[in-house]
C-alpha cells in the first residue's frame, strides 16, 4: 500500500525536543515501512524521518490564511507526485480541503479536542465515503461524532523498546510527577499527596515562563521545592524519562482537565509503574482502577491511593501497555482503517 502521512508544519519529524504527535508520526512511518508499505511524509522542512518520499511544507504559520492556502496546494501537489492509496493526516484539517472532492481515501486523525464547524464543512465537501476520522481516544471520538462523520478510536502508542520494565522498586521508592508543570496537570495536588503520605516526590517537566501559569508555578510549586522530600528535576529527555519512571513507586499526575489521551500515563505502564490520577477525559480508557492504578478526587484519596500501592502488580501494568498501547498493536489498527478506507466499506460508527 502507498501511504502519505501528514504532520503539522511547526515541529520536525522526529522532534528534537517536545513533540508528541511528531514522535507518533515518526514511529508510524518506521512501523509501516517495516511491514513492506511505501510511505511518504509531508512535514516541516528539515524533518529527518526516513520516509520513502518527503514533501516539505512551504508555510509554517498555522494561524496564517496565506500559509494555509499554500500548504493545501502543496499537499495536492504531493498527492499528484506520490499517488498514494490513502492520505492520513495528523495536521490541520484545512490542508485537506483541496483533496476533499476527490475519490482519494482520506483519514483525519485528532489528538486534541474537536472543533465541530470545520468537520461539518469537510463532510459536505468530501465525496461520499472518502473521508473518515480517527481520534486518539473514544473520549475524542464521542466529541467528533456530534459533528458528524465516521470516527474510529485508535489509542496513541508507546515505543516499548524505549521503556525498561522494572518488576520491583524499593519500599521507599519516590513518587513521580512527570508532565508540564501547569495547573491543569495538578502538580500542587501531587505535592500535597506526597507530603501527607510521607513520600518523596520528584517533579520532572518544563515549567511555565510567563503569564498566569508562571504565577501558579511561583506560588504553588516553587516554595515547596527542596523541602520535605520534594525534588525538582526539570525537563527530561527519553533516557532520563525511562530512568525516572522505572525507579518510581507511582506516577502521580492528578489532572484537572479532560485529557484527550495523555501519553505519559501509557509510558508509565510500560515501565510497570502504577498511575495515580483523576478519571477525566481519556484516562478511564488507559488506567484500570485498582489493577493498574487509582482514580482519586482530592488529596485525601490521593494519599490513600499511595498507601494502597502494594495492591498493584507492576507486571500487569506492563502487560496492559503491551496489549493496548504498543506500536505494533496500534499500527495494525491503522492498517485496518486504511484497508477499510481503500475498499470503501460502508461507514459504521
Protein backbone atom coordinates (compact mmCIF):
# COMPACT_ATOMS: atom_id res chain seq x y z
CA UNK A 1 0.00 0.00 0.00
CA UNK A 2 1.17 3.54 -0.74
CA UNK A 3 0.50 5.76 2.28
CA UNK A 4 1.02 9.51 2.60
CA UNK A 5 1.32 10.63 6.24
CA UNK A 6 0.89 14.29 7.08
CA UNK A 7 2.16 16.19 10.15
CA UNK A 8 1.85 19.85 11.12
CA UNK A 9 4.47 22.34 9.88
CA UNK A 10 5.74 23.71 13.21
CA UNK A 11 7.89 20.85 14.57
CA UNK A 12 10.16 18.48 12.60
CA UNK A 13 9.56 14.74 12.43
CA UNK A 14 11.03 13.34 14.60
CA UNK A 15 11.11 16.27 17.05
CA UNK A 16 14.33 17.45 18.63
CA UNK A 17 12.64 18.03 22.00
CA UNK A 18 8.95 18.24 22.79
CA UNK A 19 6.56 17.00 20.11
CA UNK A 20 4.23 14.14 20.99
CA UNK A 21 2.35 13.92 17.69
CA UNK A 22 5.57 14.17 15.72
CA UNK A 23 7.02 11.23 17.65
CA UNK A 24 3.91 9.22 16.84
CA UNK A 25 4.19 10.02 13.13
CA UNK A 26 7.89 9.18 13.07
CA UNK A 27 7.32 5.78 14.71
CA UNK A 28 4.33 5.05 12.48
CA UNK A 29 6.38 5.73 9.35
CA UNK A 30 9.00 3.23 10.50
CA UNK A 31 6.47 0.59 11.51
CA UNK A 32 4.56 0.82 8.23
CA UNK A 33 7.72 0.62 6.14
CA UNK A 34 8.88 -2.39 8.18
CA UNK A 35 5.68 -4.14 7.08
CA UNK A 36 6.53 -3.51 3.41
CA UNK A 37 4.38 -0.45 2.73
CA UNK A 38 5.66 2.54 0.78
CA UNK A 39 5.32 5.63 2.95
CA UNK A 40 5.69 9.30 2.10
CA UNK A 41 5.68 12.17 4.58
CA UNK A 42 4.61 15.80 4.40
CA UNK A 43 6.00 17.72 7.37
CA UNK A 44 8.17 20.65 8.44
CA UNK A 45 11.18 21.33 6.24
CA UNK A 46 14.28 19.74 7.75
CA UNK A 47 12.49 16.66 9.07
CA UNK A 48 14.81 13.65 9.15
CA UNK A 49 12.25 10.83 9.35
CA UNK A 50 13.38 8.12 6.86
CA UNK A 51 10.28 8.03 4.67
CA UNK A 52 10.34 6.77 1.09
CA UNK A 53 9.48 10.28 -0.12
CA UNK A 54 9.38 13.64 1.63
CA UNK A 55 7.37 16.75 0.75
CA UNK A 56 8.15 19.78 2.98
CA UNK A 57 5.52 22.37 3.81
CA UNK A 58 6.08 25.80 2.22
CA UNK A 59 4.37 27.61 5.12
CA UNK A 60 4.98 27.16 8.84
CA UNK A 61 2.41 29.59 10.31
CA UNK A 62 -0.66 27.55 11.22
CA UNK A 63 -2.63 30.70 12.02
CA UNK A 64 -1.93 32.32 8.65
CA UNK A 65 -4.61 32.10 5.94
CA UNK A 66 -1.96 32.55 3.26
CA UNK A 67 0.19 29.71 4.61
CA UNK A 68 -2.89 27.52 4.93
CA UNK A 69 -3.68 28.03 1.24
CA UNK A 70 -0.04 27.40 0.29
CA UNK A 71 0.05 24.21 2.31
CA UNK A 72 -3.24 22.93 0.92
CA UNK A 73 -1.85 23.44 -2.58
CA UNK A 74 1.44 21.77 -1.59
CA UNK A 75 -0.39 18.71 -0.28
CA UNK A 76 -2.33 18.49 -3.50
CA UNK A 77 0.98 18.53 -5.45
CA UNK A 78 2.42 15.85 -3.14
CA UNK A 79 -0.56 13.62 -3.89
CA UNK A 80 -0.08 14.14 -7.64
CA UNK A 81 3.59 13.17 -7.42
CA UNK A 82 3.37 10.30 -4.94
CA UNK A 83 -0.04 8.87 -5.95
CA UNK A 84 -0.94 7.36 -2.57
CA UNK A 85 -3.67 4.83 -1.97
CA UNK A 86 -4.63 6.74 1.17
CA UNK A 87 -3.75 10.04 2.85
CA UNK A 88 -3.55 10.02 6.64
CA UNK A 89 -3.29 13.46 8.22
CA UNK A 90 -2.33 14.38 11.78
CA UNK A 91 -2.16 18.04 10.68
CA UNK A 92 -4.77 20.76 10.18
CA UNK A 93 -8.00 19.66 8.51
CA UNK A 94 -7.84 22.75 6.28
CA UNK A 95 -4.80 21.31 4.48
CA UNK A 96 -7.05 18.51 3.13
CA UNK A 97 -9.69 20.81 1.66
CA UNK A 98 -8.37 20.72 -1.93
CA UNK A 99 -8.49 16.91 -1.78
CA UNK A 100 -11.95 16.56 -0.26
CA UNK A 101 -13.94 16.45 -3.54
CA UNK A 102 -11.64 13.77 -4.99
CA UNK A 103 -12.10 10.00 -4.79
CA UNK A 104 -8.84 9.58 -2.85
CA UNK A 105 -9.43 7.96 0.58
CA UNK A 106 -8.58 10.39 3.38
CA UNK A 107 -8.23 9.93 7.13
CA UNK A 108 -8.06 12.83 9.54
CA UNK A 109 -6.67 11.99 12.98
CA UNK A 110 -7.40 14.12 16.02
CA UNK A 111 -5.09 14.31 19.03
CA UNK A 112 -6.92 17.22 20.61
CA UNK A 113 -10.44 18.44 21.30
CA UNK A 114 -12.67 18.66 18.25
CA UNK A 115 -13.98 21.86 16.66
CA UNK A 116 -17.34 20.95 15.06
CA UNK A 117 -17.67 23.63 12.36
CA UNK A 118 -14.76 22.60 10.05
CA UNK A 119 -15.75 18.93 10.41
CA UNK A 120 -19.29 19.67 9.27
CA UNK A 121 -17.94 21.72 6.35
CA UNK A 122 -15.49 18.99 5.36
CA UNK A 123 -18.29 16.43 5.46
CA UNK A 124 -20.32 18.50 3.00
CA UNK A 125 -17.36 18.99 0.63
CA UNK A 126 -15.98 15.45 0.69
CA UNK A 127 -17.04 12.91 -1.89
CA UNK A 128 -19.27 10.39 -0.19
CA UNK A 129 -17.38 7.69 1.73
CA UNK A 130 -13.89 9.13 1.10
CA UNK A 131 -13.32 10.94 4.41
CA UNK A 132 -13.03 9.19 7.76
CA UNK A 133 -11.83 10.33 11.13
CA UNK A 134 -9.83 8.77 13.93
CA UNK A 135 -9.31 10.02 17.45
CA UNK A 136 -6.62 9.19 19.99
CA UNK A 137 -9.35 8.08 22.40
CA UNK A 138 -13.01 7.24 22.46
CA UNK A 139 -13.41 10.44 24.51
CA UNK A 140 -12.29 12.44 21.46
CA UNK A 141 -14.37 10.34 19.07
CA UNK A 142 -17.52 10.97 21.11
CA UNK A 143 -16.92 14.69 20.63
CA UNK A 144 -16.34 14.21 16.92
CA UNK A 145 -19.45 12.13 16.27
CA UNK A 146 -21.60 15.05 17.41
CA UNK A 147 -20.24 16.99 14.43
CA UNK A 148 -20.83 14.11 12.01
CA UNK A 149 -18.68 11.67 10.11
CA UNK A 150 -17.33 8.19 10.80
CA UNK A 151 -14.97 8.04 13.79
CA UNK A 152 -12.62 5.25 14.84
CA UNK A 153 -10.78 5.41 18.19
CA UNK A 154 -7.13 4.37 17.91
CA UNK A 155 -5.09 5.00 21.03
CA UNK A 156 -1.69 6.59 20.95
CA UNK A 157 1.16 4.15 21.32
CA UNK A 158 4.37 3.77 23.26
CA UNK A 159 7.62 2.51 21.78
CA UNK A 160 8.16 -0.30 24.29
CA UNK A 161 11.81 -0.62 23.31
CA UNK A 162 12.44 2.77 24.97
CA UNK A 163 10.95 1.80 28.34
CA UNK A 164 12.52 -0.86 30.54
CA UNK A 165 10.10 -2.92 32.61
CA UNK A 166 11.08 -2.71 36.28
CA UNK A 167 9.29 -5.51 38.17
CA UNK A 168 10.03 -4.22 41.66
CA UNK A 169 11.11 -0.99 43.36
CA UNK A 170 12.34 -0.39 46.93
CA UNK A 171 9.81 0.27 49.69
CA UNK A 172 11.00 3.88 49.90
CA UNK A 173 10.85 4.49 46.14
CA UNK A 174 9.80 8.06 45.31
CA UNK A 175 6.58 9.21 43.70
CA UNK A 176 6.96 10.94 40.35
CA UNK A 177 5.20 13.89 38.75
CA UNK A 178 6.15 13.85 35.04
CA UNK A 179 4.34 16.37 32.85
CA UNK A 180 4.16 20.07 32.08
CA UNK A 181 4.20 21.79 35.45
CA UNK A 182 0.92 23.64 34.93
CA UNK A 183 -2.27 23.98 36.94
CA UNK A 184 -4.28 21.61 34.70
CA UNK A 185 -1.81 18.80 35.50
CA UNK A 186 -2.20 19.13 39.27
CA UNK A 187 1.42 19.45 40.49
CA UNK A 188 0.27 21.30 43.62
CA UNK A 189 -2.06 18.42 44.45
CA UNK A 190 0.75 15.91 43.82
CA UNK A 191 2.95 17.82 46.29
CA UNK A 192 0.28 17.70 48.99
CA UNK A 193 -0.34 13.99 48.37
CA UNK A 194 3.37 13.25 48.76
CA UNK A 195 3.65 15.32 51.95
CA UNK A 196 0.56 13.75 53.52
CA UNK A 197 1.74 10.22 52.68
CA UNK A 198 5.30 10.90 53.86
CA UNK A 199 6.86 10.07 50.48
CA UNK A 200 9.49 11.77 48.36
CA UNK A 201 8.24 13.37 45.14
CA UNK A 202 10.32 14.00 42.04
CA UNK A 203 8.92 16.71 39.74
CA UNK A 204 10.03 16.48 36.11
CA UNK A 205 8.72 18.63 33.28
CA UNK A 206 9.05 22.01 31.66
CA UNK A 207 7.96 24.90 33.89
CA UNK A 208 5.98 27.86 32.52
CA UNK A 209 7.91 31.08 31.93
CA UNK A 210 5.13 33.66 31.59
CA UNK A 211 1.52 34.52 32.32
CA UNK A 212 -0.87 33.01 34.83
CA UNK A 213 0.85 29.62 34.73
CA UNK A 214 4.16 31.16 35.79
CA UNK A 215 2.32 32.81 38.69
CA UNK A 216 0.85 29.40 39.57
CA UNK A 217 4.30 27.80 39.49
CA UNK A 218 5.86 30.57 41.58
CA UNK A 219 3.11 30.46 44.21
CA UNK A 220 2.02 26.81 44.37
CA UNK A 221 5.09 24.79 43.33
CA UNK A 222 8.36 26.71 43.73
CA UNK A 223 8.05 27.33 47.51
CA UNK A 224 7.98 23.56 48.14
CA UNK A 225 10.99 22.62 46.03
CA UNK A 226 13.95 21.34 48.01
CA UNK A 227 11.83 20.85 51.13
CA UNK A 228 10.11 17.83 52.73
CA UNK A 229 11.41 15.47 50.06
CA UNK A 230 10.04 17.49 47.10
CA UNK A 231 12.79 17.48 44.45
CA UNK A 232 12.89 19.44 41.19
CA UNK A 233 14.32 17.63 38.14
CA UNK A 234 13.25 19.93 35.29
CA UNK A 235 12.59 18.94 31.69
CA UNK A 236 13.89 15.49 30.75
CA UNK A 237 14.56 13.53 27.56
CA UNK A 238 13.65 9.95 26.70
CA UNK A 239 16.58 8.31 28.50
CA UNK A 240 16.00 10.18 31.76
CA UNK A 241 12.24 9.67 31.48
CA UNK A 242 12.77 5.91 31.29
CA UNK A 243 15.05 6.04 34.33
CA UNK A 244 12.62 8.14 36.40
CA UNK A 245 9.58 6.02 35.59
CA UNK A 246 11.46 2.81 36.35
CA UNK A 247 12.52 3.95 39.81
CA UNK A 248 9.13 5.42 40.83
CA UNK A 249 6.60 3.81 43.14
CA UNK A 250 3.87 5.55 41.15
CA UNK A 251 3.28 8.28 38.60
CA UNK A 252 1.18 10.94 40.36
CA UNK A 253 -0.36 13.40 37.89
CA UNK A 254 -3.80 14.39 39.24
CA UNK A 255 -5.10 16.05 36.08
CA UNK A 256 -7.57 18.91 36.45
CA UNK A 257 -8.81 18.93 32.86
CA UNK A 258 -10.14 16.47 30.27
CA UNK A 259 -7.04 14.88 28.73
CA UNK A 260 -7.51 13.89 25.06
CA UNK A 261 -5.18 10.95 25.78
CA UNK A 262 -2.07 11.54 27.92
CA UNK A 263 0.84 9.54 26.56
CA UNK A 264 2.84 9.76 29.81
CA UNK A 265 0.29 7.51 31.52
CA UNK A 266 0.81 4.77 28.94
CA UNK A 267 4.59 5.28 29.23
CA UNK A 268 4.33 4.73 32.98
CA UNK A 269 2.51 1.44 32.43
CA UNK A 270 5.27 0.39 30.02
CA UNK A 271 7.78 0.77 32.85
CA UNK A 272 5.49 -1.21 35.15
CA UNK A 273 4.69 1.90 37.17
CA UNK A 274 1.17 2.35 38.62
CA UNK A 275 -0.67 5.61 37.97
CA UNK A 276 -2.49 7.87 40.41
CA UNK A 277 -4.67 10.41 38.60
CA UNK A 278 -8.24 11.64 38.12
CA UNK A 279 -10.90 9.98 35.96
CA UNK A 280 -11.17 12.76 33.39
CA UNK A 281 -11.04 12.75 29.61
CA UNK A 282 -9.47 9.59 28.21
CA UNK A 283 -7.91 8.40 31.47
CA UNK A 284 -10.60 5.73 32.12
CA UNK A 285 -9.52 4.20 28.79
CA UNK A 286 -5.90 3.91 29.97
CA UNK A 287 -6.00 3.09 33.67
CA UNK A 288 -7.92 0.21 35.25
CA UNK A 289 -8.86 1.12 38.84
CA UNK A 290 -7.01 -0.97 41.44
CA UNK A 291 -5.46 -3.02 38.62
CA UNK A 292 -3.01 -0.57 37.04
CA UNK A 293 -3.63 2.48 39.21
CA UNK A 294 -6.10 4.58 41.17
CA UNK A 295 -8.55 7.35 40.37
CA UNK A 296 -8.70 9.99 43.05
CA UNK A 297 -10.85 13.04 43.88
CA UNK A 298 -8.72 15.03 46.30
CA UNK A 299 -5.56 14.95 48.41
CA UNK A 300 -7.10 12.59 50.96
CA UNK A 301 -8.00 9.95 48.36
CA UNK A 302 -4.61 10.50 46.74
CA UNK A 303 -2.78 9.74 50.00
CA UNK A 304 -4.98 6.66 50.46
CA UNK A 305 -4.01 5.50 46.96
CA UNK A 306 -0.32 5.82 47.83
CA UNK A 307 -0.96 3.67 50.89
CA UNK A 308 -2.64 1.02 48.70
CA UNK A 309 0.07 0.83 46.01
CA UNK A 310 1.02 -2.64 47.21
CA UNK A 311 -2.21 -3.94 45.66
CA UNK A 312 -0.94 -3.16 42.16
CA UNK A 313 1.09 -5.74 40.26
CA UNK A 314 3.71 -3.98 38.16
CA UNK A 315 3.72 -6.89 35.71
CA UNK A 316 0.05 -6.20 34.97
CA UNK A 317 0.86 -2.56 34.20
CA UNK A 318 3.42 -3.69 31.60
CA UNK A 319 1.01 -6.29 30.22
CA UNK A 320 -1.64 -3.61 29.63
CA UNK A 321 0.92 -1.44 27.83
CA UNK A 322 1.86 -4.34 25.57
CA UNK A 323 -1.71 -5.38 24.76
CA UNK A 324 -3.30 -1.92 24.38
CA UNK A 325 -0.65 0.73 23.75
CA UNK A 326 2.20 -0.86 21.82
CA UNK A 327 3.42 0.41 18.46
CA UNK A 328 2.68 -2.98 16.86
CA UNK A 329 -0.94 -3.12 18.07
CA UNK A 330 -1.77 0.48 17.16
CA UNK A 331 -0.07 0.18 13.74
CA UNK A 332 -2.30 -2.80 12.98
CA UNK A 333 -5.36 -0.77 13.92
CA UNK A 334 -4.31 1.97 11.49
CA UNK A 335 -3.69 -0.58 8.74
CA UNK A 336 -7.19 -1.97 9.25
CA UNK A 337 -8.58 1.56 8.96
CA UNK A 338 -6.55 2.16 5.78
CA UNK A 339 -7.84 -1.06 4.24
CA UNK A 340 -11.42 -0.17 5.12
CA UNK A 341 -11.00 3.27 3.58
CA UNK A 342 -9.38 1.99 0.39
CA UNK A 343 -12.09 -0.66 -0.08
CA UNK A 344 -14.75 1.94 0.52
CA UNK A 345 -16.56 -0.26 3.03
CA UNK A 346 -19.91 1.14 4.18
CA UNK A 347 -19.45 3.56 7.03
CA UNK A 348 -20.26 2.34 10.52
CA UNK A 349 -19.98 4.22 13.80
